[in-house]
Amino acid sequence: MSNAATAQKTGVIRINYTPRKIFIPLHQRTQRWALVVAHRRCGKTVGCVNDLQRGALLCPKPRPRFAYVAPTYSQAKDVAWSYLQEFSSNIPGVSTHEGELRVDYPNEGRVRLYGADNYNRMRGIYLDGVVLDEYGDMDPRAWEEVIRPALSDRGGWAIFIGTVRGRNHFYTLYERANRP
């Protein structure tokens, strides 16, 4: 039976994603803010794209909105767009919009990719969840002035992912997360 037929019959959607053992606690978290510090090619982006997708599908709020933010728009497209397309492709009723790097789900949920190089583009939107990939390479004002306020009225969550390279704002988050 196809995924579409199964979903219609049972209301269950199966996504072709099996998390690596290290990411299971991330997917089970209840905290509003999360930090993932891991080496390159560890699977951070795949895990977080699927976390965003799950959020868009399961969020009980009207018109759920989720975002993946990379340091630049072209990085967002190069790094995450193919994963988002792949893992959403067998969900019944999904539509993809490559020109906007966005996937719309049948419950009116949405995941969209952005670049922090033009973070003002996100002013005025609301978000239920966001992933900031390689946050240390972003202007910290993107988070402080635009993204965090976009999360505030709906109580949205954020995951900061990357590798620590020097003592920047990502390193500061890492240090704060490791305090007793």
Protein backbone atom coordinates (compact mmCIF):
# COMPACT_ATOMS: atom_id res chain seq x y z
CA MET A 1 0.00 0.00 0.00
CA SER A 2 1.37 3.45 -0.90
CA ASN A 3 2.11 6.10 1.72
CA ALA A 4 -0.80 8.18 0.39
CA ALA A 5 -3.23 5.25 0.69
CA THR A 6 -1.94 4.36 4.16
CA ALA A 7 -2.24 7.98 5.31
CA GLN A 8 -5.81 8.22 4.04
CA LYS A 9 -6.81 4.96 5.70
CA THR A 10 -5.01 5.32 9.04
CA GLY A 11 -4.16 9.02 9.35
CA VAL A 12 -0.51 8.00 9.80
CA ILE A 13 2.21 9.54 7.66
CA ARG A 14 5.53 7.70 7.45
CA ILE A 15 8.61 9.71 6.60
CA ASN A 16 11.61 7.84 5.25
CA TYR A 17 13.90 9.07 8.02
CA THR A 18 15.60 7.06 10.73
CA PRO A 19 17.43 9.29 13.20
CA ARG A 20 20.96 8.51 14.16
CA LYS A 21 21.15 7.42 17.77
CA ILE A 22 22.83 10.67 18.79
CA PHE A 23 19.84 12.72 17.52
CA ILE A 24 17.06 10.83 19.32
CA PRO A 25 17.30 13.06 22.44
CA LEU A 26 17.06 16.13 20.18
CA HIS A 27 13.83 14.85 18.66
CA GLN A 28 12.45 14.02 22.13
CA ARG A 29 13.37 17.34 23.76
CA THR A 30 10.86 19.48 25.58
CA GLN A 31 13.08 22.54 25.96
CA ARG A 32 12.35 25.64 23.93
CA TRP A 33 16.01 26.27 23.03
CA ALA A 34 18.45 23.58 21.92
CA LEU A 35 22.08 23.57 20.90
CA VAL A 36 23.76 20.93 18.74
CA VAL A 37 27.54 21.07 18.47
CA ALA A 38 28.81 18.32 16.22
CA HIS A 39 31.41 17.66 13.57
CA ARG A 40 30.82 18.10 9.86
CA ARG A 41 28.88 15.33 8.10
CA CYS A 42 27.40 14.17 11.41
CA GLY A 43 23.85 14.51 10.10
CA LYS A 44 22.84 17.72 11.88
CA THR A 45 21.04 19.19 8.89
CA VAL A 46 19.17 15.99 8.02
CA GLY A 47 18.02 15.57 11.61
CA CYS A 48 16.97 19.20 11.94
CA VAL A 49 15.17 19.35 8.58
CA ASN A 50 13.13 16.37 9.73
CA ASP A 51 12.50 18.04 13.09
CA LEU A 52 11.16 21.10 11.25
CA GLN A 53 9.01 18.92 9.04
CA ARG A 54 7.58 17.05 12.01
CA GLY A 55 6.84 20.38 13.65
CA ALA A 56 5.01 21.64 10.57
CA LEU A 57 2.91 18.47 10.44
CA LEU A 58 2.10 18.17 14.14
CA CYS A 59 1.87 21.75 15.39
CA PRO A 60 -1.69 22.33 16.69
CA LYS A 61 -1.61 26.08 16.01
CA PRO A 62 -3.26 27.52 12.91
CA ARG A 63 -1.00 27.81 9.84
CA PRO A 64 2.23 26.55 11.48
CA ARG A 65 5.41 28.16 10.19
CA PHE A 66 8.92 26.75 10.51
CA ALA A 67 12.21 27.94 9.08
CA TYR A 68 15.71 26.73 8.38
CA VAL A 69 18.22 29.60 8.36
CA ALA A 70 21.75 29.28 6.99
CA PRO A 71 24.39 32.03 6.93
CA THR A 72 23.49 32.77 3.29
CA TYR A 73 20.46 32.03 1.14
CA SER A 74 22.58 30.09 -1.35
CA GLN A 75 23.95 27.95 1.51
CA ALA A 76 20.39 27.21 2.65
CA LYS A 77 19.56 26.03 -0.85
CA ASP A 78 22.79 24.06 -1.32
CA VAL A 79 22.74 22.43 2.12
CA ALA A 80 19.10 21.82 3.05
CA TRP A 81 16.76 22.13 0.05
CA SER A 82 17.42 18.68 -1.41
CA TYR A 83 16.90 17.08 2.03
CA LEU A 84 13.62 18.91 2.55
CA GLN A 85 12.40 17.85 -0.89
CA GLU A 86 13.50 14.25 -0.37
CA PHE A 87 11.94 13.75 3.04
CA SER A 88 8.67 15.48 2.16
CA SER A 89 8.23 13.85 -1.26
CA ASN A 90 6.04 10.93 -0.16
CA ILE A 91 3.73 12.90 2.13
CA PRO A 92 0.26 13.10 0.60
CA GLY A 93 -0.90 16.61 -0.27
CA VAL A 94 2.53 18.26 -0.04
CA SER A 95 3.47 20.96 -2.51
CA THR A 96 6.98 22.28 -3.06
CA HIS A 97 7.82 25.77 -4.27
CA GLU A 98 11.42 25.82 -5.44
CA GLY A 99 11.38 29.53 -6.27
CA GLU A 100 10.66 30.27 -2.61
CA LEU A 101 12.51 27.26 -1.13
CA ARG A 102 9.36 26.25 0.67
CA VAL A 103 7.28 23.15 1.33
CA ASP A 104 3.58 23.43 2.15
CA TYR A 105 1.83 20.61 4.01
CA PRO A 106 -1.85 19.63 3.81
CA ASN A 107 -2.58 21.07 7.30
CA GLU A 108 -1.42 24.53 6.10
CA GLY A 109 1.94 23.99 7.81
CA ARG A 110 5.05 25.28 6.07
CA VAL A 111 8.82 24.91 6.17
CA ARG A 112 10.83 27.58 4.40
CA LEU A 113 14.55 28.18 3.92
CA TYR A 114 16.15 31.58 4.51
CA GLY A 115 19.59 33.15 4.54
CA ALA A 116 20.84 35.28 7.42
CA ASP A 117 22.68 37.41 4.86
CA ASN A 118 19.31 39.11 4.30
CA TYR A 119 17.74 38.56 7.72
CA ASN A 120 15.53 41.62 7.37
CA ARG A 121 13.61 39.57 4.78
CA MET A 122 12.14 37.71 7.77
CA ARG A 123 10.83 40.84 9.53
CA GLY A 124 7.11 40.67 10.13
CA ILE A 125 6.72 36.91 9.88
CA TYR A 126 5.86 34.60 12.76
CA LEU A 127 7.57 31.30 13.47
CA ASP A 128 6.69 28.21 15.51
CA GLY A 129 10.19 26.78 15.19
CA VAL A 130 13.53 27.58 13.58
CA VAL A 131 16.88 25.94 12.97
CA LEU A 132 19.90 28.25 12.76
CA ASP A 133 22.65 26.33 10.97
CA GLU A 134 26.24 27.49 11.50
CA TYR A 135 24.99 30.24 13.76
CA GLY A 136 28.56 31.38 14.44
CA ASP A 137 28.80 32.53 10.80
CA MET A 138 25.68 34.73 11.10
CA ASP A 139 25.31 38.30 12.21
CA PRO A 140 23.99 37.88 15.78
CA ARG A 141 21.48 40.68 15.09
CA ALA A 142 19.56 38.21 12.89
CA TRP A 143 18.62 36.29 16.05
CA GLU A 144 18.32 39.23 18.41
CA GLU A 145 16.35 41.64 16.22
CA VAL A 146 14.33 39.45 13.86
CA ILE A 147 14.17 35.70 14.54
CA ARG A 148 13.64 35.67 18.30
CA PRO A 149 10.81 38.24 18.06
CA ALA A 150 9.23 36.12 15.28
CA LEU A 151 9.11 33.21 17.75
CA SER A 152 7.82 35.17 20.73
CA ASP A 153 4.08 35.53 20.20
CA ARG A 154 3.55 31.84 19.40
CA GLY A 155 6.06 30.49 21.93
CA GLY A 156 8.19 28.99 19.17
CA TRP A 157 11.40 27.02 19.63
CA ALA A 158 14.91 27.31 18.20
CA ILE A 159 17.75 24.88 17.53
CA PHE A 160 21.22 26.32 17.03
CA ILE A 161 23.50 23.92 15.17
CA GLY A 162 27.09 24.08 14.04
CA THR A 163 30.69 23.56 14.88
CA VAL A 164 32.62 25.76 17.28
CA ARG A 165 35.25 27.69 15.35
CA GLY A 166 36.71 30.41 17.49
CA ARG A 167 35.24 32.45 20.31
CA ASN A 168 32.16 33.98 18.71
CA HIS A 169 28.46 34.14 19.63
CA PHE A 170 28.01 30.41 18.89
CA TYR A 171 30.87 29.65 21.27
CA THR A 172 29.16 31.86 23.89
CA LEU A 173 25.97 29.79 23.53
CA TYR A 174 28.02 26.60 23.84
CA GLU A 175 29.70 27.87 27.02
CA ARG A 176 26.35 28.94 28.49
CA ALA A 177 24.80 25.54 27.72
CA ASN A 178 27.64 23.77 29.55
CA ARG A 179 27.34 25.78 32.78
CA PRO A 180 26.05 23.78 35.74
